[in-house]
Amino acid sequence: MAFAMRSSALSRPAFQAVKPDTRRAVVMAAGRRNDVSDSYAKALVELSEEKGRLEQVHADVDAVASLIKENSKLTDLLYNPVVEGDKKKAVLAKISKEAGFQTYTSNFLNVLVQKDRLNLLPEIVESFEEQYCELTDTQPRPLHSY
């Protein structure tokens, strides 16, 4: 179990148990926009641009961002380290098929599963959007809050 320091040591214990969800949020906030996230986003931007599918992949990334923002059960499943990668891939394959994602997007999500990087998805989405806007000379959308 994770522990956090309390600011007031006078009336409370020095350490208090922290819920796992709180810990994940803290870790995600601390790791927000790191080089790894930027590298993954850059790879997807470059590949989709090279293949002439940048707009379609951008739409897919927007859909993924909405899914992880709006569906907490899906997010919990994808970020859960106990859930097997094959199960995550199956769920993502079903979503990809139903949403009509580009092959590049589906393959990219599978790579994130294989490399155990799904937890970086919010940061990758954010970086992808910034790189897309820079490349297309468009204004960034307001950032999703995760």
Protein backbone atom coordinates (compact mmCIF):
# COMPACT_ATOMS: atom_id res chain seq x y z
CA MET A 1 0.00 0.00 0.00
CA ALA A 2 1.26 3.49 -0.80
CA PHE A 3 1.77 6.15 1.83
CA ALA A 4 1.79 9.93 1.72
CA MET A 5 3.25 12.47 4.12
CA ARG A 6 0.73 14.57 6.02
CA SER A 7 1.41 18.26 6.43
CA SER A 8 0.15 18.50 9.99
CA ALA A 9 2.06 16.13 12.26
CA LEU A 10 0.52 17.59 15.43
CA SER A 11 -2.88 15.94 15.39
CA ARG A 12 -2.52 13.24 12.74
CA PRO A 13 -0.11 10.39 12.05
CA ALA A 14 2.93 11.27 9.94
CA PHE A 15 1.81 8.88 7.20
CA GLN A 16 -1.63 8.08 5.90
CA ALA A 17 -2.63 5.32 3.49
CA VAL A 18 -3.41 6.56 -0.01
CA LYS A 19 -5.98 4.93 -2.25
CA PRO A 20 -4.49 3.29 -5.38
CA ASP A 21 -6.51 5.62 -7.66
CA THR A 22 -5.05 8.64 -5.87
CA ARG A 23 -1.57 7.25 -6.30
CA ARG A 24 -2.15 6.66 -10.02
CA ALA A 25 -3.34 10.24 -10.45
CA VAL A 26 -0.27 11.55 -8.64
CA VAL A 27 2.08 9.37 -10.68
CA MET A 28 0.35 10.38 -13.91
CA ALA A 29 0.55 14.07 -13.00
CA ALA A 30 4.24 13.72 -12.15
CA GLY A 31 4.93 11.86 -15.40
CA ARG A 32 2.83 14.11 -17.58
CA ARG A 33 4.43 15.02 -20.89
CA ASN A 34 7.66 13.15 -20.63
CA ASP A 35 10.03 12.31 -23.47
CA VAL A 36 8.61 8.80 -23.82
CA SER A 37 5.08 10.13 -24.40
CA ASP A 38 6.37 12.68 -26.89
CA SER A 39 8.36 10.01 -28.75
CA TYR A 40 5.37 7.71 -29.11
CA ALA A 41 3.18 10.58 -30.30
CA LYS A 42 5.84 11.72 -32.76
CA ALA A 43 6.14 8.22 -34.20
CA LEU A 44 2.37 8.06 -34.79
CA VAL A 45 2.26 11.55 -36.30
CA GLU A 46 5.16 10.81 -38.64
CA LEU A 47 3.82 7.42 -39.74
CA SER A 48 0.30 8.68 -40.38
CA GLU A 49 1.62 11.70 -42.29
CA GLU A 50 3.95 9.52 -44.37
CA LYS A 51 1.06 7.18 -45.23
CA GLY A 52 -1.31 10.06 -46.08
CA ARG A 53 -3.64 9.23 -43.19
CA LEU A 54 -2.90 12.05 -40.77
CA GLU A 55 -6.45 13.42 -40.68
CA GLN A 56 -7.98 9.97 -40.20
CA VAL A 57 -5.54 9.01 -37.45
CA HIS A 58 -6.13 12.38 -35.80
CA ALA A 59 -9.86 11.59 -35.72
CA ASP A 60 -9.04 8.17 -34.21
CA VAL A 61 -6.87 9.76 -31.52
CA ASP A 62 -9.69 12.17 -30.69
CA ALA A 63 -12.04 9.19 -30.35
CA VAL A 64 -9.57 7.40 -28.07
CA ALA A 65 -9.24 10.54 -25.95
CA SER A 66 -13.01 10.75 -25.57
CA LEU A 67 -13.26 7.06 -24.69
CA ILE A 68 -10.68 7.21 -21.92
CA LYS A 69 -12.15 10.41 -20.59
CA GLU A 70 -15.77 9.27 -20.56
CA ASN A 71 -15.55 5.55 -19.82
CA SER A 72 -14.00 4.92 -16.42
CA LYS A 73 -14.55 1.15 -16.60
CA LEU A 74 -12.61 0.98 -19.85
CA THR A 75 -9.87 3.19 -18.45
CA ASP A 76 -9.60 1.06 -15.31
CA LEU A 77 -9.32 -2.09 -17.40
CA LEU A 78 -6.68 -0.66 -19.74
CA TYR A 79 -4.54 0.78 -16.94
CA ASN A 80 -4.83 -2.23 -14.64
CA PRO A 81 -1.45 -4.02 -14.53
CA VAL A 82 -3.13 -7.27 -13.44
CA VAL A 83 -5.21 -7.53 -16.63
CA GLU A 84 -3.40 -9.61 -19.25
CA GLY A 85 -2.16 -7.88 -22.37
CA ASP A 86 -4.13 -10.27 -24.59
CA LYS A 87 -7.38 -9.19 -22.93
CA LYS A 88 -6.47 -5.52 -23.39
CA LYS A 89 -5.64 -6.18 -27.05
CA ALA A 90 -8.97 -7.96 -27.56
CA VAL A 91 -10.89 -5.04 -26.04
CA LEU A 92 -8.94 -2.53 -28.12
CA ALA A 93 -9.45 -4.63 -31.29
CA LYS A 94 -13.20 -4.63 -30.71
CA ILE A 95 -13.25 -0.88 -30.11
CA SER A 96 -11.05 -0.29 -33.16
CA LYS A 97 -13.31 -2.39 -35.38
CA GLU A 98 -16.53 -0.81 -34.14
CA ALA A 99 -15.12 2.72 -34.41
CA GLY A 100 -13.54 2.05 -37.81
CA PHE A 101 -10.05 3.06 -36.70
CA GLN A 102 -7.22 3.15 -39.19
CA THR A 103 -4.93 0.14 -39.15
CA TYR A 104 -2.11 2.44 -38.01
CA THR A 105 -4.10 3.51 -34.97
CA SER A 106 -5.03 -0.06 -34.04
CA ASN A 107 -1.44 -1.24 -34.45
CA PHE A 108 -0.21 1.70 -32.39
CA LEU A 109 -2.55 0.80 -29.53
CA ASN A 110 -1.29 -2.78 -29.67
CA VAL A 111 2.31 -1.55 -29.44
CA LEU A 112 1.37 0.41 -26.32
CA VAL A 113 -0.02 -2.79 -24.82
CA GLN A 114 3.07 -4.82 -25.79
CA LYS A 115 5.44 -2.22 -24.37
CA ASP A 116 3.30 -1.75 -21.23
CA ARG A 117 2.78 1.94 -22.04
CA LEU A 118 -1.01 2.25 -22.01
CA ASN A 119 -0.72 4.26 -18.81
CA LEU A 120 0.88 7.00 -20.94
CA LEU A 121 -2.09 7.23 -23.28
CA PRO A 122 -3.42 10.58 -21.95
CA GLU A 123 0.01 12.17 -22.33
CA ILE A 124 0.51 10.62 -25.77
CA VAL A 125 -2.87 11.98 -26.89
CA GLU A 126 -1.96 15.43 -25.60
CA SER A 127 1.42 15.37 -27.34
CA PHE A 128 -0.11 14.01 -30.55
CA GLU A 129 -2.58 16.90 -30.60
CA GLU A 130 0.16 19.48 -30.11
CA GLN A 131 2.35 17.95 -32.81
CA TYR A 132 -0.62 17.65 -35.17
CA CYS A 133 -1.52 21.31 -34.68
CA GLU A 134 2.08 22.39 -35.21
CA LEU A 135 2.34 20.31 -38.39
CA THR A 136 -0.99 21.49 -39.82
CA ASP A 137 -0.63 25.07 -38.54
CA THR A 138 -3.90 24.88 -36.62
CA GLN A 139 -4.89 26.01 -33.17
CA PRO A 140 -4.82 23.37 -30.42
CA ARG A 141 -8.14 22.31 -28.93
CA PRO A 142 -8.66 22.74 -25.21
CA LEU A 143 -6.91 19.85 -23.47
CA HIS A 144 -8.92 16.90 -22.18
CA SER A 145 -8.86 16.53 -18.43
CA TYR A 146 -8.17 12.96 -17.35
